[in-house]
Amino acid sequence: MRKLQLIYCLEPAGSHGVWGLDDYHFLPFIFGSSQLIDHKYMKPKSIHNDDILDNFSSEYMYLSCIQFVKKVKKGPFAEHSPLLNDISEVPNWNKVNTGMLKMYKAEVLEKVPIMQHFLFGWLIKWE
C-alpha cells in the first residue's frame, strides 16, 4: 500500500488531516503498539530518535509506521502529526495500545458510513 501511495501520490478519502492518526493506516499502529508492550527498552517517546527508527523499523511495525509518516510528510513532526506526537508522551505501550483500540472502535467500527459496507456474515447481523 505504501508503495502505491508514494508512486501515485494518493490522497486519502475522509482524511482528518493533521488531526488523524495517519491518513492511510490505523491497524498497523494497533498491531505495532501491541508488539512493543512490555519491551524493556523501547518506550513510546523512542519514536523521536531517528537512530532507533533506522535500526528497528524493520523489526517493529509501529516504528515502521512512524518512519513512513516522517518520510512522506514535511516539517516538524509535532506540526504535521500532532496526535502521534501526543501519543509519544504516554508512559508505556500498554496504554498506547489500549487507547488506540478505543480510538479504532470510535473512529472506524462505530461509523455507519464505513461499517455499512463491511460484510459480517451470519455471525454478526448488521441492522
N, C-alpha and C. Protein backbone atom coordinates (compact mmCIF):
# COMPACT_ATOMS: atom_id res chain seq x y z
N MET A 1 0.82 -1.19 0.00
CA MET A 1 0.00 0.00 0.00
C MET A 1 0.87 1.26 0.00
N ARG A 2 1.91 1.23 0.80
CA ARG A 2 2.78 2.41 0.87
C ARG A 2 3.41 2.73 -0.47
N LYS A 3 3.81 1.69 -1.19
CA LYS A 3 4.42 1.90 -2.50
C LYS A 3 3.43 2.57 -3.45
N LEU A 4 2.19 2.09 -3.46
CA LEU A 4 1.16 2.71 -4.30
C LEU A 4 0.92 4.17 -3.91
N GLN A 5 0.89 4.43 -2.62
CA GLN A 5 0.67 5.79 -2.15
C GLN A 5 1.79 6.73 -2.58
N LEU A 6 3.01 6.23 -2.52
CA LEU A 6 4.16 7.05 -2.92
C LEU A 6 4.22 7.26 -4.44
N ILE A 7 4.04 6.19 -5.18
CA ILE A 7 4.17 6.27 -6.64
C ILE A 7 3.09 7.17 -7.23
N TYR A 8 1.85 7.00 -6.79
CA TYR A 8 0.73 7.72 -7.40
C TYR A 8 0.26 8.93 -6.60
N CYS A 9 1.00 9.27 -5.55
CA CYS A 9 0.65 10.43 -4.70
C CYS A 9 -0.82 10.40 -4.31
N LEU A 10 -1.27 9.26 -3.85
CA LEU A 10 -2.68 9.08 -3.50
C LEU A 10 -3.07 9.92 -2.29
N GLU A 11 -4.23 10.48 -2.36
CA GLU A 11 -4.79 11.24 -1.24
C GLU A 11 -5.88 10.40 -0.60
N PRO A 12 -5.91 10.33 0.72
CA PRO A 12 -6.92 9.52 1.39
C PRO A 12 -8.29 10.18 1.37
N ALA A 13 -9.32 9.38 1.26
CA ALA A 13 -10.69 9.89 1.34
C ALA A 13 -11.07 10.03 2.80
N GLY A 14 -11.71 11.11 3.14
CA GLY A 14 -12.18 11.31 4.51
C GLY A 14 -11.07 11.54 5.51
N SER A 15 -9.96 12.09 5.06
CA SER A 15 -8.83 12.34 5.95
C SER A 15 -9.18 13.35 7.04
N HIS A 16 -8.64 13.12 8.20
CA HIS A 16 -8.77 14.08 9.29
C HIS A 16 -7.63 15.10 9.25
N GLY A 17 -6.83 15.03 8.22
CA GLY A 17 -5.69 15.95 8.11
C GLY A 17 -4.69 15.69 9.22
N VAL A 18 -4.13 16.75 9.78
CA VAL A 18 -3.13 16.57 10.83
C VAL A 18 -3.73 16.01 12.10
N TRP A 19 -5.05 16.03 12.24
CA TRP A 19 -5.66 15.56 13.49
C TRP A 19 -6.01 14.08 13.46
N GLY A 20 -5.73 13.41 12.36
CA GLY A 20 -5.95 11.98 12.29
C GLY A 20 -4.70 11.25 12.75
N LEU A 21 -4.86 9.98 13.06
CA LEU A 21 -3.71 9.17 13.47
C LEU A 21 -2.73 9.06 12.33
N ASP A 22 -3.21 8.65 11.19
CA ASP A 22 -2.41 8.58 9.97
C ASP A 22 -3.42 8.66 8.84
N ASP A 23 -3.05 9.28 7.75
CA ASP A 23 -4.01 9.47 6.66
C ASP A 23 -4.44 8.17 6.00
N TYR A 24 -3.65 7.13 6.09
CA TYR A 24 -3.94 5.91 5.35
C TYR A 24 -4.18 4.69 6.22
N HIS A 25 -3.45 4.55 7.28
CA HIS A 25 -3.44 3.30 8.04
C HIS A 25 -3.81 3.53 9.50
N PHE A 26 -4.43 2.55 10.08
CA PHE A 26 -4.73 2.59 11.52
C PHE A 26 -4.30 1.27 12.17
N LEU A 27 -4.72 0.16 11.58
CA LEU A 27 -4.42 -1.14 12.18
C LEU A 27 -2.93 -1.41 12.41
N PRO A 28 -2.04 -1.02 11.51
CA PRO A 28 -0.62 -1.27 11.79
C PRO A 28 -0.13 -0.58 13.07
N PHE A 29 -0.73 0.55 13.41
CA PHE A 29 -0.36 1.21 14.66
C PHE A 29 -0.84 0.39 15.86
N ILE A 30 -2.03 -0.20 15.74
CA ILE A 30 -2.54 -1.04 16.84
C ILE A 30 -1.67 -2.28 16.98
N PHE A 31 -1.43 -2.98 15.86
CA PHE A 31 -0.60 -4.18 15.91
C PHE A 31 0.81 -3.85 16.39
N GLY A 32 1.35 -2.76 15.90
CA GLY A 32 2.71 -2.37 16.27
C GLY A 32 2.84 -1.99 17.73
N SER A 33 1.84 -1.29 18.26
CA SER A 33 1.92 -0.93 19.68
C SER A 33 1.77 -2.17 20.56
N SER A 34 0.98 -3.15 20.12
CA SER A 34 0.86 -4.38 20.91
C SER A 34 2.17 -5.18 20.86
N GLN A 35 2.87 -5.08 19.75
CA GLN A 35 4.16 -5.76 19.61
C GLN A 35 5.18 -5.21 20.61
N LEU A 36 5.04 -3.95 20.98
CA LEU A 36 6.02 -3.31 21.87
C LEU A 36 5.62 -3.32 23.35
N ILE A 37 4.44 -3.86 23.66
CA ILE A 37 4.03 -3.93 25.08
C ILE A 37 5.08 -4.72 25.86
N ASP A 38 5.47 -4.17 26.98
CA ASP A 38 6.47 -4.78 27.88
C ASP A 38 7.87 -4.85 27.30
N HIS A 39 8.14 -4.08 26.24
CA HIS A 39 9.52 -4.02 25.73
C HIS A 39 10.38 -3.36 26.80
N LYS A 40 11.51 -3.94 27.08
CA LYS A 40 12.35 -3.48 28.19
C LYS A 40 12.93 -2.09 27.97
N TYR A 41 13.29 -1.76 26.72
CA TYR A 41 13.98 -0.50 26.47
C TYR A 41 13.20 0.49 25.61
N MET A 42 12.39 -0.03 24.71
CA MET A 42 11.68 0.84 23.77
C MET A 42 10.45 1.45 24.44
N LYS A 43 10.40 2.75 24.51
CA LYS A 43 9.27 3.48 25.08
C LYS A 43 8.59 4.27 23.97
N PRO A 44 7.35 4.71 24.19
CA PRO A 44 6.66 5.49 23.15
C PRO A 44 7.44 6.73 22.69
N LYS A 45 8.19 7.34 23.58
CA LYS A 45 8.97 8.53 23.20
C LYS A 45 10.15 8.19 22.29
N SER A 46 10.44 6.90 22.14
CA SER A 46 11.55 6.47 21.28
C SER A 46 11.32 6.82 19.82
N ILE A 47 10.09 7.13 19.44
CA ILE A 47 9.80 7.46 18.04
C ILE A 47 10.51 8.73 17.59
N HIS A 48 10.97 9.52 18.53
CA HIS A 48 11.65 10.78 18.18
C HIS A 48 13.15 10.58 17.93
N ASN A 49 13.64 9.38 18.15
CA ASN A 49 15.05 9.08 17.95
C ASN A 49 15.22 8.43 16.57
N ASP A 50 15.80 9.17 15.65
CA ASP A 50 15.96 8.67 14.28
C ASP A 50 16.85 7.43 14.20
N ASP A 51 17.83 7.32 15.10
CA ASP A 51 18.67 6.12 15.11
C ASP A 51 17.85 4.88 15.45
N ILE A 52 16.93 5.01 16.40
CA ILE A 52 16.06 3.88 16.76
C ILE A 52 15.16 3.52 15.58
N LEU A 53 14.60 4.53 14.93
CA LEU A 53 13.75 4.26 13.76
C LEU A 53 14.54 3.56 12.66
N ASP A 54 15.73 4.04 12.38
CA ASP A 54 16.55 3.44 11.32
C ASP A 54 16.94 2.00 11.64
N ASN A 55 17.25 1.73 12.89
CA ASN A 55 17.75 0.41 13.26
C ASN A 55 16.67 -0.62 13.59
N PHE A 56 15.48 -0.16 13.97
CA PHE A 56 14.46 -1.11 14.43
C PHE A 56 13.14 -1.06 13.67
N SER A 57 13.02 -0.20 12.67
CA SER A 57 11.74 -0.11 11.95
C SER A 57 11.43 -1.38 11.15
N SER A 58 12.45 -2.12 10.78
CA SER A 58 12.19 -3.37 10.06
C SER A 58 11.73 -4.48 11.01
N GLU A 59 11.94 -4.27 12.30
CA GLU A 59 11.60 -5.28 13.30
C GLU A 59 10.28 -4.98 14.01
N TYR A 60 9.94 -3.69 14.14
CA TYR A 60 8.76 -3.28 14.89
C TYR A 60 7.83 -2.46 14.00
N MET A 61 6.61 -2.93 13.86
CA MET A 61 5.64 -2.34 12.95
C MET A 61 5.31 -0.88 13.29
N TYR A 62 5.18 -0.56 14.57
CA TYR A 62 4.86 0.81 14.96
C TYR A 62 5.96 1.77 14.51
N LEU A 63 7.20 1.36 14.71
CA LEU A 63 8.32 2.21 14.30
C LEU A 63 8.37 2.36 12.79
N SER A 64 8.01 1.31 12.07
CA SER A 64 7.94 1.39 10.61
C SER A 64 6.88 2.40 10.18
N CYS A 65 5.74 2.39 10.86
CA CYS A 65 4.67 3.34 10.55
C CYS A 65 5.13 4.78 10.78
N ILE A 66 5.79 5.00 11.90
CA ILE A 66 6.28 6.35 12.22
C ILE A 66 7.32 6.78 11.20
N GLN A 67 8.22 5.88 10.84
CA GLN A 67 9.25 6.22 9.87
C GLN A 67 8.63 6.60 8.52
N PHE A 68 7.58 5.89 8.12
CA PHE A 68 6.90 6.21 6.87
C PHE A 68 6.24 7.58 6.94
N VAL A 69 5.57 7.87 8.05
CA VAL A 69 4.94 9.18 8.22
C VAL A 69 5.99 10.28 8.11
N LYS A 70 7.12 10.08 8.75
CA LYS A 70 8.19 11.09 8.69
C LYS A 70 8.76 11.22 7.28
N LYS A 71 8.72 10.14 6.51
CA LYS A 71 9.24 10.17 5.14
C LYS A 71 8.33 10.96 4.21
N VAL A 72 7.02 10.79 4.36
CA VAL A 72 6.10 11.40 3.40
C VAL A 72 5.61 12.80 3.80
N LYS A 73 5.75 13.15 5.06
CA LYS A 73 5.30 14.47 5.50
C LYS A 73 6.50 15.35 5.78
N LYS A 74 6.36 16.61 5.49
CA LYS A 74 7.46 17.56 5.65
C LYS A 74 7.21 18.47 6.85
N GLY A 75 8.27 18.96 7.42
CA GLY A 75 8.16 19.88 8.55
C GLY A 75 8.33 19.16 9.87
N PRO A 76 8.20 19.91 10.96
CA PRO A 76 8.35 19.32 12.30
C PRO A 76 7.26 18.27 12.57
N PHE A 77 7.66 17.17 13.16
CA PHE A 77 6.75 16.06 13.44
C PHE A 77 5.54 16.52 14.27
N ALA A 78 5.79 17.36 15.26
CA ALA A 78 4.70 17.83 16.14
C ALA A 78 3.67 18.65 15.38
N GLU A 79 4.07 19.24 14.26
CA GLU A 79 3.14 20.05 13.47
C GLU A 79 2.35 19.21 12.48
N HIS A 80 3.00 18.28 11.78
CA HIS A 80 2.27 17.51 10.77
C HIS A 80 1.58 16.28 11.36
N SER A 81 1.97 15.85 12.55
CA SER A 81 1.34 14.67 13.18
C SER A 81 1.17 14.90 14.68
N PRO A 82 0.37 15.89 15.07
CA PRO A 82 0.25 16.20 16.50
C PRO A 82 -0.33 15.06 17.34
N LEU A 83 -1.21 14.27 16.77
CA LEU A 83 -1.78 13.16 17.54
C LEU A 83 -0.73 12.10 17.84
N LEU A 84 0.05 11.74 16.83
CA LEU A 84 1.14 10.78 17.05
C LEU A 84 2.17 11.35 18.01
N ASN A 85 2.43 12.63 17.91
CA ASN A 85 3.36 13.28 18.82
C ASN A 85 2.84 13.20 20.25
N ASP A 86 1.56 13.49 20.45
CA ASP A 86 0.97 13.41 21.79
C ASP A 86 1.01 11.99 22.33
N ILE A 87 0.76 11.02 21.46
CA ILE A 87 0.79 9.62 21.89
C ILE A 87 2.18 9.23 22.38
N SER A 88 3.21 9.85 21.83
CA SER A 88 4.58 9.52 22.25
C SER A 88 4.86 9.92 23.69
N GLU A 89 4.01 10.75 24.27
CA GLU A 89 4.17 11.17 25.67
C GLU A 89 3.53 10.20 26.66
N VAL A 90 2.76 9.23 26.15
CA VAL A 90 2.14 8.22 27.02
C VAL A 90 3.26 7.38 27.63
N PRO A 91 3.15 7.04 28.91
CA PRO A 91 4.29 6.39 29.59
C PRO A 91 4.64 4.97 29.14
N ASN A 92 3.67 4.20 28.63
CA ASN A 92 4.00 2.83 28.24
C ASN A 92 3.14 2.36 27.07
N TRP A 93 3.60 1.28 26.44
CA TRP A 93 2.94 0.78 25.24
C TRP A 93 1.58 0.17 25.52
N ASN A 94 1.38 -0.35 26.71
CA ASN A 94 0.09 -0.92 27.05
C ASN A 94 -0.99 0.16 27.00
N LYS A 95 -0.69 1.33 27.54
CA LYS A 95 -1.65 2.44 27.50
C LYS A 95 -1.84 2.94 26.06
N VAL A 96 -0.78 2.98 25.30
CA VAL A 96 -0.88 3.38 23.89
C VAL A 96 -1.81 2.42 23.15
N ASN A 97 -1.59 1.13 23.33
CA ASN A 97 -2.39 0.12 22.64
C ASN A 97 -3.85 0.18 23.07
N THR A 98 -4.11 0.30 24.35
CA THR A 98 -5.48 0.39 24.85
C THR A 98 -6.18 1.61 24.27
N GLY A 99 -5.50 2.73 24.26
CA GLY A 99 -6.07 3.96 23.70
C GLY A 99 -6.34 3.83 22.21
N MET A 100 -5.45 3.18 21.49
CA MET A 100 -5.65 3.02 20.05
C MET A 100 -6.83 2.09 19.74
N LEU A 101 -7.00 1.06 20.54
CA LEU A 101 -8.15 0.19 20.36
C LEU A 101 -9.45 0.95 20.58
N LYS A 102 -9.49 1.79 21.59
CA LYS A 102 -10.67 2.62 21.85
C LYS A 102 -10.91 3.60 20.70
N MET A 103 -9.83 4.19 20.20
CA MET A 103 -9.94 5.14 19.09
C MET A 103 -10.42 4.43 17.83
N TYR A 104 -9.92 3.23 17.57
CA TYR A 104 -10.34 2.47 16.40
C TYR A 104 -11.83 2.15 16.48
N LYS A 105 -12.26 1.77 17.66
CA LYS A 105 -13.69 1.46 17.84
C LYS A 105 -14.54 2.70 17.54
N ALA A 106 -14.13 3.84 18.09
CA ALA A 106 -14.91 5.07 17.92
C ALA A 106 -14.81 5.64 16.50
N GLU A 107 -13.63 5.59 15.90
CA GLU A 107 -13.41 6.24 14.61
C GLU A 107 -13.69 5.36 13.40
N VAL A 108 -13.72 4.05 13.61
CA VAL A 108 -13.93 3.15 12.48
C VAL A 108 -15.15 2.25 12.70
N LEU A 109 -15.09 1.43 13.73
CA LEU A 109 -16.13 0.42 13.91
C LEU A 109 -17.51 1.00 14.21
N GLU A 110 -17.56 2.17 14.82
CA GLU A 110 -18.85 2.76 15.16
C GLU A 110 -19.34 3.78 14.13
N LYS A 111 -18.68 3.87 13.00
CA LYS A 111 -19.08 4.79 11.94
C LYS A 111 -19.91 4.05 10.89
N VAL A 112 -21.17 4.35 10.84
CA VAL A 112 -22.08 3.67 9.91
C VAL A 112 -21.62 3.81 8.46
N PRO A 113 -21.18 4.99 7.99
CA PRO A 113 -20.76 5.08 6.58
C PRO A 113 -19.62 4.12 6.22
N ILE A 114 -18.83 3.75 7.20
CA ILE A 114 -17.74 2.80 6.95
C ILE A 114 -18.24 1.37 7.07
N MET A 115 -18.88 1.08 8.19
CA MET A 115 -19.24 -0.30 8.51
C MET A 115 -20.42 -0.84 7.69
N GLN A 116 -21.21 0.03 7.09
CA GLN A 116 -22.34 -0.47 6.29
C GLN A 116 -21.87 -1.28 5.08
N HIS A 117 -20.61 -1.09 4.69
CA HIS A 117 -20.08 -1.80 3.53
C HIS A 117 -19.31 -3.07 3.93
N PHE A 118 -19.22 -3.33 5.21
CA PHE A 118 -18.47 -4.47 5.71
C PHE A 118 -19.40 -5.68 5.82
N LEU A 119 -19.03 -6.76 5.18
CA LEU A 119 -19.84 -7.97 5.20
C LEU A 119 -19.46 -8.80 6.43
N PHE A 120 -20.37 -8.95 7.36
CA PHE A 120 -20.10 -9.70 8.58
C PHE A 120 -20.39 -11.18 8.44
N GLY A 121 -21.35 -11.53 7.61
CA GLY A 121 -21.74 -12.93 7.52
C GLY A 121 -22.87 -13.22 8.48
N TRP A 122 -23.06 -14.47 8.79
CA TRP A 122 -24.20 -14.85 9.60
C TRP A 122 -23.94 -14.73 11.09
N LEU A 123 -22.69 -14.60 11.53
CA LEU A 123 -22.39 -14.49 12.96
C LEU A 123 -22.84 -13.16 13.56
N ILE A 124 -22.61 -12.10 12.83
CA ILE A 124 -22.97 -10.78 13.31
C ILE A 124 -23.90 -10.15 12.29
N LYS A 125 -25.10 -9.87 12.67
CA LYS A 125 -26.08 -9.28 11.77
C LYS A 125 -25.96 -7.76 11.81
N TRP A 126 -25.91 -7.15 10.65
CA TRP A 126 -25.90 -5.67 10.54
C TRP A 126 -27.31 -5.21 10.30
N GLU A 127 -27.77 -4.32 11.18
CA GLU A 127 -29.15 -3.86 11.04
C GLU A 127 -29.22 -2.40 10.71
